[in-house]
Amino acid sequence: MNAIPEQYIASLRETGPDLLIFQFGINEAASLGAFREFTKDELRIQMREWLGRIKRLLPDTDVLLIGPPERLQTFQGAPAPMKETFDVQQVQREEAERAGFAYFDTYQCLGGAGQMMKMVSSGVAMSDYTHFTMRGGDAAAGLEPRHPAARQVLRGVDPAPRAEGVRQRRQGAVGALPPA
């Protein structure tokens, strides 16, 4: 997160986004389990810095942080929940709230414990017990947020004026959007 140069985030100001959506956590959970120096406290520090930078550079932009789904790893020959995923979810939820951003709990929205096994069985997640298939990603994109803050953020965004502004800026450009 913090490896992204500030100039790239600052350049977002030119577009004036109403809403930024960040989804991460699966790789952070794996790092928590693999690297002793990457602790839950270090994750919290990094996330606080990242969210603080976003808030400072884009103070008028709403932010929705999407947490990771269940992730399983092989433990004694059988898939078992990766406990570090729960640590990531907790830190994300707490730091999003601290920053005044919305948090979407993918884990709970998909059904909580045991969801990944069901998703793999039904073909909406891959057999690595981590990643969604294309069909699963499409289904997840249509989920209704259950968290009140996420619903409030999404309800307050009207994409039509922003889309019209983008359309006007692209007139005459190669690949310009067709008239509405």
Protein backbone atom coordinates (compact mmCIF):
# COMPACT_ATOMS: atom_id res chain seq x y z
CA MET A 1 0.00 0.00 0.00
CA ASN A 2 2.60 2.51 1.03
CA ALA A 3 4.83 1.59 -1.90
CA ILE A 4 2.56 3.51 -4.28
CA PRO A 5 4.21 6.89 -4.93
CA GLU A 6 2.23 9.84 -3.59
CA GLN A 7 2.24 11.49 -7.04
CA TYR A 8 -0.01 8.71 -8.36
CA ILE A 9 -2.53 9.26 -5.60
CA ALA A 10 -2.26 13.04 -5.95
CA SER A 11 -2.98 12.73 -9.69
CA LEU A 12 -6.40 11.36 -8.77
CA ARG A 13 -7.36 14.86 -7.63
CA GLU A 14 -7.57 15.86 -11.30
CA THR A 15 -10.43 13.42 -11.84
CA GLY A 16 -12.21 14.45 -8.62
CA PRO A 17 -13.54 11.00 -7.76
CA ASP A 18 -16.69 10.79 -5.67
CA LEU A 19 -15.75 7.35 -4.43
CA LEU A 20 -12.60 5.25 -4.23
CA ILE A 21 -12.92 1.53 -3.59
CA PHE A 22 -9.98 -0.47 -2.31
CA GLN A 23 -10.02 -4.23 -2.01
CA PHE A 24 -7.04 -5.97 -0.49
CA GLY A 25 -6.11 -8.24 2.36
CA ILE A 26 -5.49 -11.73 0.99
CA ASN A 27 -1.80 -11.10 0.31
CA GLU A 28 -1.40 -9.18 3.55
CA ALA A 29 -2.79 -12.20 5.42
CA ALA A 30 -0.28 -14.45 3.69
CA SER A 31 2.53 -12.03 4.62
CA LEU A 32 1.40 -12.02 8.26
CA GLY A 33 1.80 -15.78 8.26
CA ALA A 34 5.08 -15.89 6.35
CA PHE A 35 7.25 -13.04 7.65
CA ARG A 36 7.96 -12.61 11.35
CA GLU A 37 8.83 -8.94 10.91
CA PHE A 38 5.43 -8.24 9.30
CA THR A 39 3.17 -8.23 12.35
CA LYS A 40 -0.39 -7.18 12.97
CA ASP A 41 0.98 -3.96 14.49
CA GLU A 42 3.07 -3.30 11.37
CA LEU A 43 0.01 -3.89 9.20
CA ARG A 44 -1.93 -1.40 11.33
CA ILE A 45 0.82 1.21 11.01
CA GLN A 46 0.98 0.77 7.22
CA MET A 47 -2.78 0.88 6.84
CA ARG A 48 -3.10 3.96 9.03
CA GLU A 49 -0.44 5.73 6.95
CA TRP A 50 -2.10 4.68 3.68
CA LEU A 51 -5.60 5.71 4.67
CA GLY A 52 -4.24 8.95 6.14
CA ARG A 53 -2.54 9.77 2.83
CA ILE A 54 -5.74 9.11 0.93
CA LYS A 55 -7.73 11.30 3.32
CA ARG A 56 -5.14 14.11 3.15
CA LEU A 57 -4.80 14.05 -0.64
CA LEU A 58 -8.50 13.49 -1.43
CA PRO A 59 -10.43 14.97 1.53
CA ASP A 60 -13.74 15.24 -0.35
CA THR A 61 -13.69 11.68 -1.69
CA ASP A 62 -15.63 8.91 0.00
CA VAL A 63 -13.70 5.69 0.48
CA LEU A 64 -14.96 2.13 0.71
CA LEU A 65 -12.54 -0.51 1.94
CA ILE A 66 -13.51 -4.06 0.94
CA GLY A 67 -12.16 -6.74 3.25
CA PRO A 68 -10.99 -10.19 2.19
CA PRO A 69 -13.17 -13.27 2.01
CA GLU A 70 -12.36 -16.45 3.87
CA ARG A 71 -9.03 -17.93 2.86
CA LEU A 72 -8.15 -21.55 3.51
CA GLN A 73 -4.75 -23.17 3.75
CA THR A 74 -3.81 -26.81 4.05
CA PHE A 75 -3.27 -27.77 7.66
CA GLN A 76 -2.57 -31.41 8.54
CA GLY A 77 -3.77 -32.47 5.10
CA ALA A 78 -7.10 -30.63 5.13
CA PRO A 79 -8.20 -27.08 4.26
CA ALA A 80 -8.46 -24.87 7.35
CA PRO A 81 -9.18 -21.13 7.78
CA MET A 82 -6.09 -18.94 7.61
CA LYS A 83 -6.25 -17.18 10.98
CA GLU A 84 -4.22 -14.23 9.69
CA THR A 85 -7.16 -13.30 7.44
CA PHE A 86 -9.18 -12.54 10.57
CA ASP A 87 -6.37 -10.29 11.83
CA VAL A 88 -6.40 -8.39 8.52
CA GLN A 89 -10.19 -8.02 8.65
CA GLN A 90 -10.03 -6.67 12.19
CA VAL A 91 -7.30 -4.13 11.37
CA GLN A 92 -9.09 -3.03 8.19
CA ARG A 93 -12.41 -2.58 9.97
CA GLU A 94 -10.87 -0.62 12.85
CA GLU A 95 -8.66 1.58 10.68
CA ALA A 96 -11.45 2.31 8.17
CA GLU A 97 -13.68 3.41 11.06
CA ARG A 98 -10.87 5.48 12.56
CA ALA A 99 -10.36 7.26 9.21
CA GLY A 100 -14.11 7.79 8.70
CA PHE A 101 -14.26 5.41 5.75
CA ALA A 102 -16.79 2.67 5.03
CA TYR A 103 -15.85 -0.98 5.42
CA PHE A 104 -17.47 -3.85 3.53
CA ASP A 105 -17.08 -7.21 5.23
CA THR A 106 -16.83 -9.68 2.35
CA TYR A 107 -16.36 -12.57 4.78
CA GLN A 108 -19.70 -11.97 6.51
CA CYS A 109 -21.52 -10.99 3.33
CA LEU A 110 -20.58 -14.29 1.71
CA GLY A 111 -21.80 -16.30 4.70
CA GLY A 112 -18.95 -16.45 7.21
CA ALA A 113 -17.16 -19.65 8.17
CA GLY A 114 -17.20 -22.40 5.57
CA GLN A 115 -18.02 -20.11 2.66
CA MET A 116 -14.87 -20.84 0.67
CA MET A 117 -15.43 -24.62 0.63
CA LYS A 118 -18.96 -24.03 -0.67
CA MET A 119 -17.71 -21.54 -3.24
CA VAL A 120 -15.08 -23.95 -4.56
CA SER A 121 -17.66 -26.75 -4.73
CA SER A 122 -20.06 -24.55 -6.69
CA GLY A 123 -17.38 -23.28 -9.10
CA VAL A 124 -17.31 -19.65 -7.97
CA ALA A 125 -13.89 -19.94 -6.30
CA MET A 126 -10.72 -21.69 -7.40
CA SER A 127 -9.34 -24.82 -5.80
CA ASP A 128 -6.57 -22.76 -4.19
CA TYR A 129 -9.25 -21.73 -1.65
CA THR A 130 -8.23 -18.10 -2.12
CA HIS A 131 -9.30 -16.64 -5.46
CA PHE A 132 -12.70 -16.25 -7.08
CA THR A 133 -13.33 -17.57 -10.56
CA MET A 134 -14.56 -15.11 -13.17
CA ARG A 135 -18.13 -16.21 -12.44
CA GLY A 136 -17.53 -15.79 -8.72
CA GLY A 137 -16.10 -12.31 -9.16
CA ASP A 138 -19.10 -11.30 -11.25
CA ALA A 139 -21.45 -12.64 -8.58
CA ALA A 140 -19.55 -10.89 -5.77
CA ALA A 141 -19.66 -7.59 -7.67
CA GLY A 142 -23.45 -7.69 -7.50
CA LEU A 143 -23.68 -8.25 -3.74
CA GLU A 144 -25.72 -5.80 -1.70
CA PRO A 145 -23.58 -4.32 1.07
CA ARG A 146 -24.95 -5.24 4.49
CA HIS A 147 -22.86 -2.77 6.41
CA PRO A 148 -24.81 0.49 6.95
CA ALA A 149 -21.77 2.69 6.27
CA ALA A 150 -21.11 0.96 2.95
CA ARG A 151 -24.77 1.33 1.93
CA GLN A 152 -24.69 5.00 2.91
CA VAL A 153 -21.57 5.69 0.85
CA LEU A 154 -22.87 3.84 -2.19
CA ARG A 155 -26.34 5.40 -1.92
CA GLY A 156 -24.81 8.89 -1.92
CA VAL A 157 -22.91 8.43 -5.19
CA ASP A 158 -24.63 9.50 -8.40
CA PRO A 159 -22.41 8.33 -11.28
CA ALA A 160 -24.36 10.18 -13.99
CA PRO A 161 -22.88 13.70 -13.52
CA ARG A 162 -19.36 12.29 -13.25
CA ALA A 163 -19.85 10.14 -16.35
CA GLU A 164 -21.11 13.17 -18.30
CA GLY A 165 -18.05 15.17 -17.25
CA VAL A 166 -15.76 12.37 -18.39
CA ARG A 167 -17.70 12.15 -21.65
CA GLN A 168 -17.27 15.89 -22.26
CA ARG A 169 -13.51 15.78 -21.57
CA ARG A 170 -13.06 12.88 -23.98
CA GLN A 171 -14.84 14.48 -26.96
CA GLY A 172 -12.57 14.22 -29.95
CA ALA A 173 -10.14 11.85 -28.23
CA VAL A 174 -9.27 8.53 -29.80
CA GLY A 175 -11.75 6.02 -28.44
CA ALA A 176 -14.11 8.78 -27.25
CA LEU A 177 -17.28 7.65 -25.59
CA PRO A 178 -20.32 7.73 -27.87
CA PRO A 179 -22.99 10.34 -27.13
CA ALA A 180 -25.40 9.34 -24.35
